[in-house]
């Protein structure tokens, strides 16, 4: 004796109102706007026949990397930020500047915050060297 899944009216009405105002919103957007449990909103979408995207199962296509268009050294640089666990001090942010032609590390800066000053300091070091 399986009971048909239900959504309580106190949850259904706000969801219905948002869908009428913005029909393009998916259930994740509705969850974010209303702060409801995602399973409740997902169930409402399924019961009302609204499309719910399924996550792909198995291998996902990889992104094909394009070759660098740098024609020589010092023509094109790239930057990157990464977070590093430092143990007792917690997380730190490492900013790197590399030459796209030679893949040489030109500058770096390690800081506790990932603000724009971190990348700016790494770029300043690259210009000095």
Protein backbone atom coordinates (compact mmCIF):
# COMPACT_ATOMS: atom_id res chain seq x y z
CA UNK A 1 0.00 0.00 0.00
CA UNK A 2 2.13 2.87 -1.30
CA UNK A 3 0.86 6.36 -0.60
CA UNK A 4 1.35 8.93 -3.32
CA UNK A 5 4.05 11.45 -2.37
CA UNK A 6 2.68 14.78 -1.20
CA UNK A 7 3.98 18.28 -0.67
CA UNK A 8 2.56 20.30 2.20
CA UNK A 9 0.60 23.34 1.08
CA UNK A 10 2.74 25.71 3.19
CA UNK A 11 5.69 24.72 0.99
CA UNK A 12 3.79 24.32 -2.28
CA UNK A 13 2.26 27.80 -2.41
CA UNK A 14 5.54 29.83 -2.29
CA UNK A 15 7.12 27.47 -4.85
CA UNK A 16 4.07 27.81 -7.14
CA UNK A 17 4.23 31.61 -6.83
CA UNK A 18 7.90 31.78 -7.87
CA UNK A 19 7.32 29.41 -10.81
CA UNK A 20 4.48 31.60 -12.07
CA UNK A 21 6.65 34.73 -11.81
CA UNK A 22 9.76 33.15 -13.33
CA UNK A 23 8.98 29.96 -15.28
CA UNK A 24 12.60 29.53 -16.36
CA UNK A 25 13.84 28.96 -12.80
CA UNK A 26 14.92 25.44 -11.94
CA UNK A 27 14.47 23.79 -8.60
CA UNK A 28 17.95 24.82 -7.38
CA UNK A 29 17.17 28.48 -7.96
CA UNK A 30 13.84 28.12 -6.15
CA UNK A 31 15.60 26.41 -3.24
CA UNK A 32 18.10 29.27 -3.06
CA UNK A 33 15.42 31.94 -3.13
CA UNK A 34 13.09 30.32 -0.61
CA UNK A 35 15.60 28.58 1.64
CA UNK A 36 13.52 25.38 1.64
CA UNK A 37 14.88 21.85 1.74
CA UNK A 38 15.98 20.88 -1.78
CA UNK A 39 14.21 17.53 -1.59
CA UNK A 40 10.86 19.22 -0.88
CA UNK A 41 11.17 21.54 -3.87
CA UNK A 42 12.47 18.70 -6.06
CA UNK A 43 9.45 16.57 -5.11
CA UNK A 44 7.11 19.45 -5.98
CA UNK A 45 8.75 19.80 -9.41
CA UNK A 46 8.42 16.05 -10.06
CA UNK A 47 4.77 15.91 -8.99
CA UNK A 48 3.85 18.88 -11.17
CA UNK A 49 5.64 17.41 -14.19
CA UNK A 50 8.28 20.13 -14.37
CA UNK A 51 11.57 19.09 -15.94
CA UNK A 52 14.30 18.16 -13.46
CA UNK A 53 17.77 17.65 -14.88
CA UNK A 54 19.48 14.44 -13.86
CA UNK A 55 23.20 14.34 -13.14
CA UNK A 56 25.07 12.38 -15.79
CA UNK A 57 26.31 8.96 -14.72
CA UNK A 58 29.69 7.73 -15.85
CA UNK A 59 32.50 9.55 -17.57
CA UNK A 60 32.11 13.18 -18.44
CA UNK A 61 33.78 14.70 -21.47
CA UNK A 62 37.10 16.34 -20.73
CA UNK A 63 37.93 19.87 -21.73
CA UNK A 64 40.38 20.05 -24.60
CA UNK A 65 43.27 22.34 -23.73
CA UNK A 66 44.24 24.77 -26.43
CA UNK A 67 47.93 25.29 -27.17
CA UNK A 68 49.45 28.55 -26.02
CA UNK A 69 49.60 31.29 -28.65
CA UNK A 70 52.71 32.89 -27.13
CA UNK A 71 55.26 33.47 -29.89
CA UNK A 72 58.26 33.93 -27.61
CA UNK A 73 59.39 34.45 -24.03
CA UNK A 74 58.02 37.47 -22.14
CA UNK A 75 55.12 37.84 -24.63
CA UNK A 76 52.29 36.22 -22.66
CA UNK A 77 51.92 35.51 -18.96
CA UNK A 78 49.34 33.57 -16.97
CA UNK A 79 48.37 33.73 -13.31
CA UNK A 80 46.82 31.22 -10.99
CA UNK A 81 45.72 31.08 -7.38
CA UNK A 82 45.61 27.99 -5.20
CA UNK A 83 44.87 27.32 -1.55
CA UNK A 84 47.46 25.46 0.50
CA UNK A 85 47.01 23.87 3.92
CA UNK A 86 49.87 25.09 6.10
CA UNK A 87 49.13 23.07 9.24
CA UNK A 88 49.04 25.18 12.40
CA UNK A 89 48.50 28.40 10.48
CA UNK A 90 45.50 27.10 8.53
CA UNK A 91 44.87 27.87 4.87
CA UNK A 92 47.07 30.19 2.80
CA UNK A 93 46.72 31.42 -0.78
CA UNK A 94 49.56 31.08 -3.28
CA UNK A 95 49.50 33.34 -6.33
CA UNK A 96 51.73 32.38 -9.27
CA UNK A 97 52.78 34.16 -12.48
CA UNK A 98 54.24 32.02 -15.28
CA UNK A 99 55.54 32.68 -18.77
CA UNK A 100 53.27 30.87 -21.26
CA UNK A 101 56.10 30.23 -23.73
CA UNK A 102 58.83 28.86 -21.44
CA UNK A 103 56.56 27.75 -18.54
CA UNK A 104 59.04 29.47 -16.25
CA UNK A 105 57.83 30.73 -12.87
CA UNK A 106 58.24 34.51 -12.95
CA UNK A 107 56.74 35.56 -9.63
CA UNK A 108 54.82 34.28 -6.64
CA UNK A 109 53.28 35.51 -3.42
CA UNK A 110 51.95 33.58 -0.42
CA UNK A 111 49.40 35.21 1.87
CA UNK A 112 46.72 34.38 4.41
CA UNK A 113 43.99 36.05 2.36
CA UNK A 114 43.02 35.59 -1.27
CA UNK A 115 42.46 39.26 -1.95
CA UNK A 116 43.52 41.05 -5.12
CA UNK A 117 46.67 42.33 -3.37
CA UNK A 118 47.99 38.75 -3.36
CA UNK A 119 47.89 38.49 -7.16
CA UNK A 120 49.14 42.07 -7.47
CA UNK A 121 52.17 41.27 -5.31
CA UNK A 122 52.98 38.19 -7.39
CA UNK A 123 52.79 40.29 -10.57
CA UNK A 124 55.03 43.00 -9.06
CA UNK A 125 57.63 40.34 -8.19
CA UNK A 126 57.47 39.03 -11.76
CA UNK A 127 58.08 42.54 -13.13
CA UNK A 128 61.04 43.09 -10.80
CA UNK A 129 62.75 39.82 -11.71
